[in-house]
Amino acid sequence: MMQATSLTPDVIAETTLASLADANPDVMAVLRQHGFDLCCGGGLSLSQAAQAHNVELAPIVADLRAILAKEA
């Protein structure tokens, strides 16, 4: 799902890593902290990446939303 305001994606479990990186390059710092990268074109969702790296999703989503909110 895309948020209606601007082109910034709403950060939800199904949001892809690529769409986040496209919206704001600053999110890459948060993604890298958790071992996420844009392999496979960034097509993994946050949920899939969190599961693959055995990390909790909620804190990552909160950090990403904070970064993207600064842009709004």
C-alpha atoms as a PDB file:
ATOM      1  CA  MET A   1       0.000   0.000   0.000  1.00  0.00           C
ATOM      2  CA  MET A   2       1.153   3.478  -0.800  1.00  0.00           C
ATOM      3  CA  GLN A   3       0.348   6.423   1.386  1.00  0.00           C
ATOM      4  CA  ALA A   4      -1.587   9.150  -0.418  1.00  0.00           C
ATOM      5  CA  THR A   5       0.643  11.995   0.774  1.00  0.00           C
ATOM      6  CA  SER A   6       3.791  12.418  -1.338  1.00  0.00           C
ATOM      7  CA  LEU A   7       5.505   9.412  -2.822  1.00  0.00           C
ATOM      8  CA  THR A   8       6.714   8.066   0.516  1.00  0.00           C
ATOM      9  CA  PRO A   9       5.565   4.502   1.145  1.00  0.00           C
ATOM     10  CA  ASP A  10       3.681   3.651   4.295  1.00  0.00           C
ATOM     11  CA  VAL A  11       6.074   1.435   6.220  1.00  0.00           C
ATOM     12  CA  ILE A  12       4.300  -1.866   6.762  1.00  0.00           C
ATOM     13  CA  ALA A  13       5.454  -5.478   6.843  1.00  0.00           C
ATOM     14  CA  GLU A  14       4.817  -5.865   3.106  1.00  0.00           C
ATOM     15  CA  THR A  15       6.813  -2.777   2.090  1.00  0.00           C
ATOM     16  CA  THR A  16       9.759  -3.786  -0.070  1.00  0.00           C
ATOM     17  CA  LEU A  17      13.294  -2.778   0.758  1.00  0.00           C
ATOM     18  CA  ALA A  18      13.645  -1.241  -2.702  1.00  0.00           C
ATOM     19  CA  SER A  19      10.617   1.030  -2.289  1.00  0.00           C
ATOM     20  CA  LEU A  20      11.995   2.289   1.016  1.00  0.00           C
ATOM     21  CA  ALA A  21      15.425   2.965  -0.458  1.00  0.00           C
ATOM     22  CA  ASP A  22      13.840   4.747  -3.419  1.00  0.00           C
ATOM     23  CA  ALA A  23      11.769   6.939  -1.108  1.00  0.00           C
ATOM     24  CA  ASN A  24      14.716   8.051   1.010  1.00  0.00           C
ATOM     25  CA  PRO A  25      18.332   6.858   0.822  1.00  0.00           C
ATOM     26  CA  ASP A  26      18.710   7.572   4.573  1.00  0.00           C
ATOM     27  CA  VAL A  27      16.747   4.401   5.342  1.00  0.00           C
ATOM     28  CA  MET A  28      19.697   2.311   4.166  1.00  0.00           C
ATOM     29  CA  ALA A  29      21.518   3.033   7.439  1.00  0.00           C
ATOM     30  CA  VAL A  30      18.688   1.394   9.405  1.00  0.00           C
ATOM     31  CA  LEU A  31      18.450  -1.501   6.978  1.00  0.00           C
ATOM     32  CA  ARG A  32      22.203  -2.130   7.114  1.00  0.00           C
ATOM     33  CA  GLN A  33      22.157  -2.114  10.937  1.00  0.00           C
ATOM     34  CA  HIS A  34      20.006  -5.201  10.713  1.00  0.00           C
ATOM     35  CA  GLY A  35      21.983  -6.874   7.950  1.00  0.00           C
ATOM     36  CA  PHE A  36      19.502  -6.004   5.205  1.00  0.00           C
ATOM     37  CA  ASP A  37      20.678  -5.076   1.727  1.00  0.00           C
ATOM     38  CA  LEU A  38      19.190  -4.679  -1.702  1.00  0.00           C
ATOM     39  CA  CYS A  39      20.216  -8.069  -3.028  1.00  0.00           C
ATOM     40  CA  CYS A  40      17.806  -9.498  -5.546  1.00  0.00           C
ATOM     41  CA  GLY A  41      16.828  -5.952  -6.486  1.00  0.00           C
ATOM     42  CA  GLY A  42      15.448  -5.195  -3.028  1.00  0.00           C
ATOM     43  CA  GLY A  43      12.333  -7.206  -3.759  1.00  0.00           C
ATOM     44  CA  LEU A  44      12.078  -8.693  -0.268  1.00  0.00           C
ATOM     45  CA  SER A  45       9.470  -7.216   2.033  1.00  0.00           C
ATOM     46  CA  LEU A  46      10.429  -5.984   5.479  1.00  0.00           C
ATOM     47  CA  SER A  47       8.717  -9.023   6.940  1.00  0.00           C
ATOM     48  CA  GLN A  48      10.666 -11.439   4.736  1.00  0.00           C
ATOM     49  CA  ALA A  49      13.982  -9.719   5.467  1.00  0.00           C
ATOM     50  CA  ALA A  50      13.338  -9.663   9.223  1.00  0.00           C
ATOM     51  CA  GLN A  51      12.473 -13.344   9.197  1.00  0.00           C
ATOM     52  CA  ALA A  52      15.557 -14.195   7.127  1.00  0.00           C
ATOM     53  CA  HIS A  53      17.804 -12.303   9.555  1.00  0.00           C
ATOM     54  CA  ASN A  54      15.969 -13.454  12.675  1.00  0.00           C
ATOM     55  CA  VAL A  55      15.261  -9.927  13.926  1.00  0.00           C
ATOM     56  CA  GLU A  56      12.135  -8.330  15.359  1.00  0.00           C
ATOM     57  CA  LEU A  57      10.192  -6.286  12.821  1.00  0.00           C
ATOM     58  CA  ALA A  58       8.488  -3.657  15.037  1.00  0.00           C
ATOM     59  CA  PRO A  59      11.619  -1.668  16.043  1.00  0.00           C
ATOM     60  CA  ILE A  60      12.792  -1.561  12.434  1.00  0.00           C
ATOM     61  CA  VAL A  61       9.419  -0.268  11.257  1.00  0.00           C
ATOM     62  CA  ALA A  62       9.459   2.415  13.982  1.00  0.00           C
ATOM     63  CA  ASP A  63      12.960   3.571  12.988  1.00  0.00           C
ATOM     64  CA  LEU A  64      12.040   3.669   9.308  1.00  0.00           C
ATOM     65  CA  ARG A  65       8.833   5.608   9.964  1.00  0.00           C
ATOM     66  CA  ALA A  66      10.791   8.163  11.983  1.00  0.00           C
ATOM     67  CA  ILE A  67      13.231   8.729   9.129  1.00  0.00           C
ATOM     68  CA  LEU A  68      10.496   9.008   6.522  1.00  0.00           C
ATOM     69  CA  ALA A  69       8.419  11.340   8.726  1.00  0.00           C
ATOM     70  CA  LYS A  70      11.286  13.857   8.725  1.00  0.00           C
ATOM     71  CA  GLU A  71      10.885  14.072   4.967  1.00  0.00           C
ATOM     72  CA  ALA A  72       7.134  14.744   5.062  1.00  0.00           C
END
